[in-house]
Every structure is written in C-alpha cells, then in structure tokens.
Amino acid sequence: MTPERAFRRMWTKADKYHTHAVSGTLYTALGAGMMGQWALDDATALTSGGGATPGLDPALTGVALTLATVCALSGLPLSKSRGWRKTELSARSIAFQFVLTWECVRFAGVVDPALRVPGLDTLWLAWLPFVWQTMTSAYIVLFTKDDKRAALAVWLGTLGFGAQIFPAQRVLDVASVAALEAARPGLPTIWAHGTFGLIWLLNWSTFGASLRARDVVSSDADYVRAFLTRPSAFWFALFALDLAVARPFASIGDYLASALGSDVAAALASSA
C-alpha cells in the first residue's frame, strides 16, 4: 500500500475536525520525545557516575496527558460505526487510560504530593478496568468464535499493567506520594515514568490495531513487532534504567518483599 493511500484511509471525514488524528499524532511524537529524553538522561547519569532519575515537567506532562485524553475520547464516536464490540473495546481502553492518567498526574507532581483525593485515591479505582477486562475476556472465550488464545493473551497482558497500576494505587490509598518519596527516594518519579509510558503504549497499540484493521499494516506479525513487542521492550528498558539510577530498592528481594514498592509503612520504619 502506498503512503498516499494509507493516509487517505486514516484521514477520515468521520473524525470531526480531525481531532482524533491530530491529537494522536501530537501526543505520539511528544510522548516518544519525552521518554527518549528520560532514557538519555538516565544513561548519562549512569555513565557519569552521578545524577538522579530525570523528573517530569508538570506543565509539559499536563499538555501531553491532555492530548492523550483528547485522542482517546475523540476515538470513541469513530468506533460506533463498527459495532458495539468495537465501541466496548474503545471504552475499556479509556477506563485503563483514566486510571493510568490519574496515577501519572499524582506521581508527576501535577497534583500536590501531600494531598489525598477521596474516591480517586482509593484502591477500588484500580480494580474497575481489570474486572471489566476479565468479564470481556470471559465473554469472548465462552460465547464467541473469536480466537480464544488471543483473548487469553490479551487478558494476561493487561495483568502486566497491574504490576504498575496496583502498587501505585495502593500507595495513594493508604499513604501519599510524599510518604513514598520519603520512604524510597526517586520511586514516585519512576512510577510517573512508568504510568506515562503505559498510556503511550496503550495509545500506540490502539493506533496499530486501527492500521491493521484498514490493512495499512499488512500482517499480524508486523503489527505485533512494531506496535507491541518493540515498544514494550523500550518501556522495560526505561524502567530498568530508572531503577539503576535512583536505586529505590536494595535488591530484587526488597522489591518483591515491599509488595512491588507499595508497602510504604515498612520502608519508613526500616529507615527510621
């Protein structure tokens, strides 16, 4: 497929004012640039023997997350012409993105780190998209002719998101961002990077799925490689670089024993 034809397939009149396409393009570029800079700063800190995990500019982070939110919400009307299951998929992705966006806003310092927001800072918020995903996966396996292995793979993949979402939300529920920084310096920034990166991955994979559905991406293998495997590998690399620079955990055992960093009280007690 030629680039011109691919562009015509994606630049659709159904996208009012092309809001979805423009916001998605801007966020994809801005988010990739921000994450690339964090990785570069980490690498520089490691090679120079000093430094700290690069922080987030609250204003720039706010702009990026606003673009991501506009992209997600403006994509919902586009899904209605393709049936209720496509609409459900878009809404479910928005549910995950909402939780990740709130956590990123909190750990990036856009909201006062000492503040606790009732409702949004409770653990049940993190459960909502996972319960939804489980119900959808069960429906696909039990009541449709879709690829059941693919449905289970998607479900297991979302559990990987939980390794970031649940510890972060537990800290918001039982402690605060300020307490986490006191207990494990640098970890709030690492989690801000992590949640931001997962939002980017969610948007990028959804974009790739749209390209695949329109046959702009010609094969499933190309889609998996370009929109799932390689971007996920970069996310893990950034996470590893952040950990190597900030060293919020003494060891892997410390990381696991701390409930993936969410046991703030124990960390504060041990450092007292």
C-alpha atoms as a PDB file:
ATOM      1  CA  MET A   1       0.000   0.000   0.000  1.00  0.00           C
ATOM      2  CA  THR A   2       1.330   3.423  -0.943  1.00  0.00           C
ATOM      3  CA  PRO A   3       1.767   6.110   1.738  1.00  0.00           C
ATOM      4  CA  GLU A   4      -0.837   8.269  -0.031  1.00  0.00           C
ATOM      5  CA  ARG A   5      -3.471   5.528   0.128  1.00  0.00           C
ATOM      6  CA  ALA A   6      -2.641   4.764   3.761  1.00  0.00           C
ATOM      7  CA  PHE A   7      -3.052   8.448   4.622  1.00  0.00           C
ATOM      8  CA  ARG A   8      -6.454   8.607   2.915  1.00  0.00           C
ATOM      9  CA  ARG A   9      -7.642   5.587   4.883  1.00  0.00           C
ATOM     10  CA  MET A  10      -6.678   7.146   8.203  1.00  0.00           C
ATOM     11  CA  TRP A  11      -7.580  10.808   7.469  1.00  0.00           C
ATOM     12  CA  THR A  12     -11.322  10.173   7.533  1.00  0.00           C
ATOM     13  CA  LYS A  13     -14.214  12.645   7.388  1.00  0.00           C
ATOM     14  CA  ALA A  14     -15.839  10.739  10.249  1.00  0.00           C
ATOM     15  CA  ASP A  15     -13.163  12.235  12.529  1.00  0.00           C
ATOM     16  CA  LYS A  16     -14.731  15.656  13.171  1.00  0.00           C
ATOM     17  CA  TYR A  17     -12.169  18.423  12.643  1.00  0.00           C
ATOM     18  CA  HIS A  18      -9.662  15.533  12.529  1.00  0.00           C
ATOM     19  CA  THR A  19      -9.420  15.885  16.303  1.00  0.00           C
ATOM     20  CA  HIS A  20      -8.552  12.236  16.855  1.00  0.00           C
ATOM     21  CA  ALA A  21      -5.826  12.158  14.214  1.00  0.00           C
ATOM     22  CA  VAL A  22      -4.205  15.460  15.174  1.00  0.00           C
ATOM     23  CA  SER A  23      -4.233  14.885  18.946  1.00  0.00           C
ATOM     24  CA  GLY A  24      -2.967  11.338  18.477  1.00  0.00           C
ATOM     25  CA  THR A  25      -0.118  12.443  16.222  1.00  0.00           C
ATOM     26  CA  LEU A  26       0.946  15.230  18.571  1.00  0.00           C
ATOM     27  CA  TYR A  27       0.793  13.014  21.643  1.00  0.00           C
ATOM     28  CA  THR A  28       2.662  10.169  19.959  1.00  0.00           C
ATOM     29  CA  ALA A  29       5.503  12.481  18.946  1.00  0.00           C
ATOM     30  CA  LEU A  30       5.620  14.431  22.215  1.00  0.00           C
ATOM     31  CA  GLY A  31       5.384  11.334  24.398  1.00  0.00           C
ATOM     32  CA  ALA A  32       8.081   9.489  22.466  1.00  0.00           C
ATOM     33  CA  GLY A  33      10.362  12.509  22.725  1.00  0.00           C
ATOM     34  CA  MET A  34       9.824  12.828  26.471  1.00  0.00           C
ATOM     35  CA  MET A  35      10.512   9.151  27.121  1.00  0.00           C
ATOM     36  CA  GLY A  36      13.548   9.188  24.862  1.00  0.00           C
ATOM     37  CA  GLN A  37      14.945  12.159  26.801  1.00  0.00           C
ATOM     38  CA  TRP A  38      14.384  10.382  30.129  1.00  0.00           C
ATOM     39  CA  ALA A  39      16.248   7.332  28.853  1.00  0.00           C
ATOM     40  CA  LEU A  40      19.090   9.529  27.578  1.00  0.00           C
ATOM     41  CA  ASP A  41      19.307  11.373  30.912  1.00  0.00           C
ATOM     42  CA  ASP A  42      19.396   8.046  32.758  1.00  0.00           C
ATOM     43  CA  ALA A  43      22.167   6.736  30.526  1.00  0.00           C
ATOM     44  CA  THR A  44      24.149   9.948  31.042  1.00  0.00           C
ATOM     45  CA  ALA A  45      23.733   9.701  34.817  1.00  0.00           C
ATOM     46  CA  LEU A  46      24.934   6.104  34.813  1.00  0.00           C
ATOM     47  CA  THR A  47      27.978   6.744  32.638  1.00  0.00           C
ATOM     48  CA  SER A  48      28.968   9.874  34.569  1.00  0.00           C
ATOM     49  CA  GLY A  49      28.643   8.126  37.915  1.00  0.00           C
ATOM     50  CA  GLY A  50      26.145  10.558  39.373  1.00  0.00           C
ATOM     51  CA  GLY A  51      22.829  12.275  38.941  1.00  0.00           C
ATOM     52  CA  ALA A  52      19.241  11.397  39.691  1.00  0.00           C
ATOM     53  CA  THR A  53      16.268   9.975  37.844  1.00  0.00           C
ATOM     54  CA  PRO A  54      15.067  12.729  35.477  1.00  0.00           C
ATOM     55  CA  GLY A  55      11.926  14.377  36.781  1.00  0.00           C
ATOM     56  CA  LEU A  56       8.856  15.396  34.834  1.00  0.00           C
ATOM     57  CA  ASP A  57       7.956  18.940  33.883  1.00  0.00           C
ATOM     58  CA  PRO A  58       4.413  19.247  35.319  1.00  0.00           C
ATOM     59  CA  ALA A  59       3.305  21.668  32.592  1.00  0.00           C
ATOM     60  CA  LEU A  60       4.657  19.568  29.719  1.00  0.00           C
ATOM     61  CA  THR A  61       3.290  16.410  31.306  1.00  0.00           C
ATOM     62  CA  GLY A  62      -0.109  18.056  31.612  1.00  0.00           C
ATOM     63  CA  VAL A  63      -0.073  19.018  27.925  1.00  0.00           C
ATOM     64  CA  ALA A  64       0.913  15.502  26.863  1.00  0.00           C
ATOM     65  CA  LEU A  65      -1.735  13.832  29.020  1.00  0.00           C
ATOM     66  CA  THR A  66      -4.380  16.265  27.776  1.00  0.00           C
ATOM     67  CA  LEU A  67      -3.539  15.338  24.184  1.00  0.00           C
ATOM     68  CA  ALA A  68      -3.710  11.636  25.067  1.00  0.00           C
ATOM     69  CA  THR A  69      -7.097  12.099  26.717  1.00  0.00           C
ATOM     70  CA  VAL A  70      -8.499  14.064  23.767  1.00  0.00           C
ATOM     71  CA  CYS A  71      -7.233  11.369  21.408  1.00  0.00           C
ATOM     72  CA  ALA A  72      -8.885   8.591  23.417  1.00  0.00           C
ATOM     73  CA  LEU A  73     -12.232  10.342  23.870  1.00  0.00           C
ATOM     74  CA  SER A  74     -12.444  11.553  20.262  1.00  0.00           C
ATOM     75  CA  GLY A  75     -11.886   7.998  19.062  1.00  0.00           C
ATOM     76  CA  LEU A  76     -14.991   6.702  20.823  1.00  0.00           C
ATOM     77  CA  PRO A  77     -17.528   8.137  18.310  1.00  0.00           C
ATOM     78  CA  LEU A  78     -15.496   6.661  15.431  1.00  0.00           C
ATOM     79  CA  SER A  79     -15.943   3.171  16.850  1.00  0.00           C
ATOM     80  CA  LYS A  80     -19.746   3.298  16.785  1.00  0.00           C
ATOM     81  CA  SER A  81     -19.920   2.674  13.047  1.00  0.00           C
ATOM     82  CA  ARG A  82     -18.068  -0.624  13.524  1.00  0.00           C
ATOM     83  CA  GLY A  83     -20.413  -2.264  16.007  1.00  0.00           C
ATOM     84  CA  TRP A  84     -20.889  -2.449  19.758  1.00  0.00           C
ATOM     85  CA  ARG A  85     -17.841  -4.637  20.354  1.00  0.00           C
ATOM     86  CA  LYS A  86     -15.529  -2.035  18.841  1.00  0.00           C
ATOM     87  CA  THR A  87     -17.216   0.622  20.968  1.00  0.00           C
ATOM     88  CA  GLU A  88     -16.795  -1.565  24.059  1.00  0.00           C
ATOM     89  CA  LEU A  89     -13.103  -2.018  23.244  1.00  0.00           C
ATOM     90  CA  SER A  90     -12.603   1.740  22.970  1.00  0.00           C
ATOM     91  CA  ALA A  91     -14.467   2.386  26.223  1.00  0.00           C
ATOM     92  CA  ARG A  92     -12.477  -0.317  28.017  1.00  0.00           C
ATOM     93  CA  SER A  93      -9.200   1.198  26.815  1.00  0.00           C
ATOM     94  CA  ILE A  94     -10.355   4.584  28.086  1.00  0.00           C
ATOM     95  CA  ALA A  95     -11.040   3.027  31.508  1.00  0.00           C
ATOM     96  CA  PHE A  96      -7.447   1.775  31.727  1.00  0.00           C
ATOM     97  CA  GLN A  97      -6.138   5.105  30.457  1.00  0.00           C
ATOM     98  CA  PHE A  98      -8.168   7.039  33.025  1.00  0.00           C
ATOM     99  CA  VAL A  99      -6.586   5.138  35.934  1.00  0.00           C
ATOM    100  CA  LEU A 100      -3.090   5.455  34.467  1.00  0.00           C
ATOM    101  CA  THR A 101      -3.575   9.163  33.785  1.00  0.00           C
ATOM    102  CA  TRP A 102      -4.673   9.838  37.340  1.00  0.00           C
ATOM    103  CA  GLU A 103      -1.680   7.945  38.739  1.00  0.00           C
ATOM    104  CA  CYS A 104       0.715   9.765  36.413  1.00  0.00           C
ATOM    105  CA  VAL A 105      -0.731  13.139  37.404  1.00  0.00           C
ATOM    106  CA  ARG A 106      -0.267  12.242  41.075  1.00  0.00           C
ATOM    107  CA  PHE A 107       3.272  10.868  40.893  1.00  0.00           C
ATOM    108  CA  ALA A 108       4.497  13.504  38.442  1.00  0.00           C
ATOM    109  CA  GLY A 109       3.675  16.221  40.963  1.00  0.00           C
ATOM    110  CA  VAL A 110       0.952  17.877  38.885  1.00  0.00           C
ATOM    111  CA  VAL A 111      -1.246  17.491  41.995  1.00  0.00           C
ATOM    112  CA  ASP A 112       0.072  18.354  45.495  1.00  0.00           C
ATOM    113  CA  PRO A 113       2.016  15.223  46.631  1.00  0.00           C
ATOM    114  CA  ALA A 114       0.694  15.538  50.194  1.00  0.00           C
ATOM    115  CA  LEU A 115      -2.930  15.806  49.086  1.00  0.00           C
ATOM    116  CA  ARG A 116      -5.361  12.894  49.240  1.00  0.00           C
ATOM    117  CA  VAL A 117      -8.338  12.954  46.870  1.00  0.00           C
ATOM    118  CA  PRO A 118     -11.308  10.877  48.105  1.00  0.00           C
ATOM    119  CA  GLY A 119     -12.629   8.439  45.529  1.00  0.00           C
ATOM    120  CA  LEU A 120      -9.769   8.768  43.072  1.00  0.00           C
ATOM    121  CA  ASP A 121      -7.075   7.811  45.598  1.00  0.00           C
ATOM    122  CA  THR A 122      -8.754   4.547  46.626  1.00  0.00           C
ATOM    123  CA  LEU A 123      -7.679   1.055  45.591  1.00  0.00           C
ATOM    124  CA  TRP A 124     -11.061   0.144  44.129  1.00  0.00           C
ATOM    125  CA  LEU A 125     -10.411   2.546  41.250  1.00  0.00           C
ATOM    126  CA  ALA A 126      -7.597   0.304  40.029  1.00  0.00           C
ATOM    127  CA  TRP A 127      -9.850  -2.762  40.089  1.00  0.00           C
ATOM    128  CA  LEU A 128     -12.515  -1.351  37.766  1.00  0.00           C
ATOM    129  CA  PRO A 129     -10.765  -1.781  34.371  1.00  0.00           C
ATOM    130  CA  PHE A 130      -9.391  -5.193  35.338  1.00  0.00           C
ATOM    131  CA  VAL A 131     -12.813  -6.516  36.335  1.00  0.00           C
ATOM    132  CA  TRP A 132     -14.182  -5.134  33.083  1.00  0.00           C
ATOM    133  CA  GLN A 133     -11.376  -6.772  31.084  1.00  0.00           C
ATOM    134  CA  THR A 134     -11.958 -10.109  32.820  1.00  0.00           C
ATOM    135  CA  MET A 135     -15.674 -10.034  32.017  1.00  0.00           C
ATOM    136  CA  THR A 136     -14.982  -9.190  28.368  1.00  0.00           C
ATOM    137  CA  SER A 137     -12.345 -11.908  28.016  1.00  0.00           C
ATOM    138  CA  ALA A 138     -14.706 -14.454  29.568  1.00  0.00           C
ATOM    139  CA  TYR A 139     -17.455 -13.414  27.139  1.00  0.00           C
ATOM    140  CA  ILE A 140     -15.124 -13.827  24.146  1.00  0.00           C
ATOM    141  CA  VAL A 141     -13.943 -17.265  25.282  1.00  0.00           C
ATOM    142  CA  LEU A 142     -17.379 -18.620  26.202  1.00  0.00           C
ATOM    143  CA  PHE A 143     -19.767 -17.025  23.730  1.00  0.00           C
ATOM    144  CA  THR A 144     -17.926 -16.059  20.533  1.00  0.00           C
ATOM    145  CA  LYS A 145     -15.975 -17.770  17.769  1.00  0.00           C
ATOM    146  CA  ASP A 146     -13.016 -15.419  18.163  1.00  0.00           C
ATOM    147  CA  ASP A 147      -9.516 -16.753  18.728  1.00  0.00           C
ATOM    148  CA  LYS A 148      -9.660 -17.893  22.363  1.00  0.00           C
ATOM    149  CA  ARG A 149      -5.890 -17.984  22.740  1.00  0.00           C
ATOM    150  CA  ALA A 150      -5.676 -14.366  21.605  1.00  0.00           C
ATOM    151  CA  ALA A 151      -8.368 -13.396  24.111  1.00  0.00           C
ATOM    152  CA  LEU A 152      -6.463 -15.088  26.928  1.00  0.00           C
ATOM    153  CA  ALA A 153      -3.205 -13.472  25.773  1.00  0.00           C
ATOM    154  CA  VAL A 154      -4.822 -10.034  25.924  1.00  0.00           C
ATOM    155  CA  TRP A 155      -6.134 -10.769  29.414  1.00  0.00           C
ATOM    156  CA  LEU A 156      -2.697 -11.887  30.612  1.00  0.00           C
ATOM    157  CA  GLY A 157      -1.169  -8.796  29.014  1.00  0.00           C
ATOM    158  CA  THR A 158      -3.449  -6.495  30.982  1.00  0.00           C
ATOM    159  CA  LEU A 159      -2.350  -8.253  34.172  1.00  0.00           C
ATOM    160  CA  GLY A 160       1.138  -6.998  33.351  1.00  0.00           C
ATOM    161  CA  PHE A 161      -0.250  -3.473  33.570  1.00  0.00           C
ATOM    162  CA  GLY A 162      -1.390  -4.406  37.067  1.00  0.00           C
ATOM    163  CA  ALA A 163       2.218  -4.720  38.253  1.00  0.00           C
ATOM    164  CA  GLN A 164       2.411  -0.933  37.850  1.00  0.00           C
ATOM    165  CA  ILE A 165      -1.183   0.121  38.486  1.00  0.00           C
ATOM    166  CA  PHE A 166      -1.935  -1.725  41.738  1.00  0.00           C
ATOM    167  CA  PRO A 167       1.179  -0.768  43.768  1.00  0.00           C
ATOM    168  CA  ALA A 168       0.793   2.867  42.714  1.00  0.00           C
ATOM    169  CA  GLN A 169      -2.886   2.963  43.593  1.00  0.00           C
ATOM    170  CA  ARG A 170      -2.269   1.231  46.933  1.00  0.00           C
ATOM    171  CA  VAL A 171       0.184   3.972  47.912  1.00  0.00           C
ATOM    172  CA  LEU A 172      -2.418   6.604  47.046  1.00  0.00           C
ATOM    173  CA  ASP A 173      -4.970   4.669  49.101  1.00  0.00           C
ATOM    174  CA  VAL A 174      -3.018   4.031  52.311  1.00  0.00           C
ATOM    175  CA  ALA A 175      -0.245   6.661  52.265  1.00  0.00           C
ATOM    176  CA  SER A 176       0.712   9.538  49.940  1.00  0.00           C
ATOM    177  CA  VAL A 177       3.162  10.450  47.213  1.00  0.00           C
ATOM    178  CA  ALA A 178       5.153  12.490  49.736  1.00  0.00           C
ATOM    179  CA  ALA A 179       5.394   9.490  52.074  1.00  0.00           C
ATOM    180  CA  LEU A 180       6.598   7.279  49.218  1.00  0.00           C
ATOM    181  CA  GLU A 181       9.312   9.792  48.314  1.00  0.00           C
ATOM    182  CA  ALA A 182      10.437   9.859  51.952  1.00  0.00           C
ATOM    183  CA  ALA A 183      10.478   6.067  52.151  1.00  0.00           C
ATOM    184  CA  ARG A 184      12.008   5.335  48.749  1.00  0.00           C
ATOM    185  CA  PRO A 185      13.511   8.456  47.142  1.00  0.00           C
ATOM    186  CA  GLY A 186      13.036   8.533  43.400  1.00  0.00           C
ATOM    187  CA  LEU A 187      10.302   5.899  43.227  1.00  0.00           C
ATOM    188  CA  PRO A 188       7.454   8.387  42.595  1.00  0.00           C
ATOM    189  CA  THR A 189       9.328   9.660  39.541  1.00  0.00           C
ATOM    190  CA  ILE A 190       9.907   6.106  38.319  1.00  0.00           C
ATOM    191  CA  TRP A 191       6.198   5.388  38.671  1.00  0.00           C
ATOM    192  CA  ALA A 192       5.343   8.622  36.868  1.00  0.00           C
ATOM    193  CA  HIS A 193       7.569   7.496  34.002  1.00  0.00           C
ATOM    194  CA  GLY A 194       6.010   4.034  34.131  1.00  0.00           C
ATOM    195  CA  THR A 195       2.391   5.147  34.040  1.00  0.00           C
ATOM    196  CA  PHE A 196       3.137   7.711  31.326  1.00  0.00           C
ATOM    197  CA  GLY A 197       4.816   5.002  29.282  1.00  0.00           C
ATOM    198  CA  LEU A 198       1.874   2.627  29.664  1.00  0.00           C
ATOM    199  CA  ILE A 199      -0.508   5.343  28.447  1.00  0.00           C
ATOM    200  CA  TRP A 200       1.734   5.795  25.422  1.00  0.00           C
ATOM    201  CA  LEU A 201       1.835   2.031  24.802  1.00  0.00           C
ATOM    202  CA  LEU A 202      -1.949   1.831  25.089  1.00  0.00           C
ATOM    203  CA  ASN A 203      -2.420   4.596  22.525  1.00  0.00           C
ATOM    204  CA  TRP A 204       0.274   3.254  20.208  1.00  0.00           C
ATOM    205  CA  SER A 205      -1.111  -0.294  20.213  1.00  0.00           C
ATOM    206  CA  THR A 206      -4.635   1.035  19.569  1.00  0.00           C
ATOM    207  CA  PHE A 207      -3.289   3.076  16.651  1.00  0.00           C
ATOM    208  CA  GLY A 208      -1.581  -0.021  15.313  1.00  0.00           C
ATOM    209  CA  ALA A 209      -4.792  -2.021  15.605  1.00  0.00           C
ATOM    210  CA  SER A 210      -6.562   0.640  13.513  1.00  0.00           C
ATOM    211  CA  LEU A 211      -3.838   0.435  10.875  1.00  0.00           C
ATOM    212  CA  ARG A 212      -4.114  -3.352  10.845  1.00  0.00           C
ATOM    213  CA  ALA A 213      -7.906  -3.245  10.522  1.00  0.00           C
ATOM    214  CA  ARG A 214      -7.566  -0.951   7.484  1.00  0.00           C
ATOM    215  CA  ASP A 215      -4.820  -3.162   6.020  1.00  0.00           C
ATOM    216  CA  VAL A 216      -2.295  -0.335   6.262  1.00  0.00           C
ATOM    217  CA  VAL A 217      -0.187  -2.763   8.313  1.00  0.00           C
ATOM    218  CA  SER A 218      -0.139  -5.855   6.139  1.00  0.00           C
ATOM    219  CA  SER A 219       0.329  -8.683   8.647  1.00  0.00           C
ATOM    220  CA  ASP A 220      -0.263  -9.634  12.264  1.00  0.00           C
ATOM    221  CA  ALA A 221       3.456 -10.292  12.669  1.00  0.00           C
ATOM    222  CA  ASP A 222       4.302  -6.745  11.587  1.00  0.00           C
ATOM    223  CA  TYR A 223       1.681  -5.363  13.969  1.00  0.00           C
ATOM    224  CA  VAL A 224       2.969  -7.361  16.935  1.00  0.00           C
ATOM    225  CA  ARG A 225       6.576  -6.420  16.247  1.00  0.00           C
ATOM    226  CA  ALA A 226       6.079  -2.699  15.591  1.00  0.00           C
ATOM    227  CA  PHE A 227       3.239  -1.902  17.972  1.00  0.00           C
ATOM    228  CA  LEU A 228       3.588  -4.377  20.836  1.00  0.00           C
ATOM    229  CA  THR A 229       6.944  -6.144  21.228  1.00  0.00           C
ATOM    230  CA  ARG A 230       9.454  -3.390  20.479  1.00  0.00           C
ATOM    231  CA  PRO A 231       7.637  -0.559  22.296  1.00  0.00           C
ATOM    232  CA  SER A 232       7.152  -2.805  25.333  1.00  0.00           C
ATOM    233  CA  ALA A 233      10.855  -3.644  25.305  1.00  0.00           C
ATOM    234  CA  PHE A 234      11.648   0.083  25.392  1.00  0.00           C
ATOM    235  CA  TRP A 235       9.262   0.549  28.346  1.00  0.00           C
ATOM    236  CA  PHE A 236      11.082  -2.177  30.293  1.00  0.00           C
ATOM    237  CA  ALA A 237      14.453  -0.684  29.347  1.00  0.00           C
ATOM    238  CA  LEU A 238      13.403   2.743  30.646  1.00  0.00           C
ATOM    239  CA  PHE A 239      12.097   1.167  33.859  1.00  0.00           C
ATOM    240  CA  ALA A 240      15.404  -0.675  34.331  1.00  0.00           C
ATOM    241  CA  LEU A 241      17.430   2.492  33.671  1.00  0.00           C
ATOM    242  CA  ASP A 242      15.333   4.453  36.160  1.00  0.00           C
ATOM    243  CA  LEU A 243      15.857   1.782  38.813  1.00  0.00           C
ATOM    244  CA  ALA A 244      19.595   1.653  38.142  1.00  0.00           C
ATOM    245  CA  VAL A 245      19.916   5.421  38.615  1.00  0.00           C
ATOM    246  CA  ALA A 246      17.593   6.006  41.582  1.00  0.00           C
ATOM    247  CA  ARG A 247      18.125   2.646  43.366  1.00  0.00           C
ATOM    248  CA  PRO A 248      14.932   2.793  45.453  1.00  0.00           C
ATOM    249  CA  PHE A 249      15.297  -0.918  46.257  1.00  0.00           C
ATOM    250  CA  ALA A 250      18.264  -2.681  47.818  1.00  0.00           C
ATOM    251  CA  SER A 251      17.649  -5.831  45.783  1.00  0.00           C
ATOM    252  CA  ILE A 252      15.047  -7.755  43.815  1.00  0.00           C
ATOM    253  CA  GLY A 253      14.099  -9.409  47.089  1.00  0.00           C
ATOM    254  CA  ASP A 254      13.484  -5.998  48.635  1.00  0.00           C
ATOM    255  CA  TYR A 255      11.310  -5.054  45.660  1.00  0.00           C
ATOM    256  CA  LEU A 256       9.198  -8.198  45.993  1.00  0.00           C
ATOM    257  CA  ALA A 257       9.015  -8.056  49.803  1.00  0.00           C
ATOM    258  CA  SER A 258       7.789  -4.461  49.637  1.00  0.00           C
ATOM    259  CA  ALA A 259       4.755  -5.556  47.576  1.00  0.00           C
ATOM    260  CA  LEU A 260       6.377  -4.014  44.489  1.00  0.00           C
ATOM    261  CA  GLY A 261       7.092  -0.803  46.394  1.00  0.00           C
ATOM    262  CA  SER A 262       3.635  -0.248  47.850  1.00  0.00           C
ATOM    263  CA  ASP A 263       4.485  -1.088  51.496  1.00  0.00           C
ATOM    264  CA  VAL A 264       5.440   2.443  52.476  1.00  0.00           C
ATOM    265  CA  ALA A 265       4.998   1.961  56.225  1.00  0.00           C
ATOM    266  CA  ALA A 266       7.554  -0.856  56.376  1.00  0.00           C
ATOM    267  CA  ALA A 267      10.075   1.152  54.360  1.00  0.00           C
ATOM    268  CA  LEU A 268       9.678   4.177  56.628  1.00  0.00           C
ATOM    269  CA  ALA A 269      10.077   2.003  59.721  1.00  0.00           C
ATOM    270  CA  SER A 270      13.255   0.372  58.420  1.00  0.00           C
ATOM    271  CA  SER A 271      14.804   3.743  57.557  1.00  0.00           C
ATOM    272  CA  ALA A 272      13.937   5.317  60.915  1.00  0.00           C
END
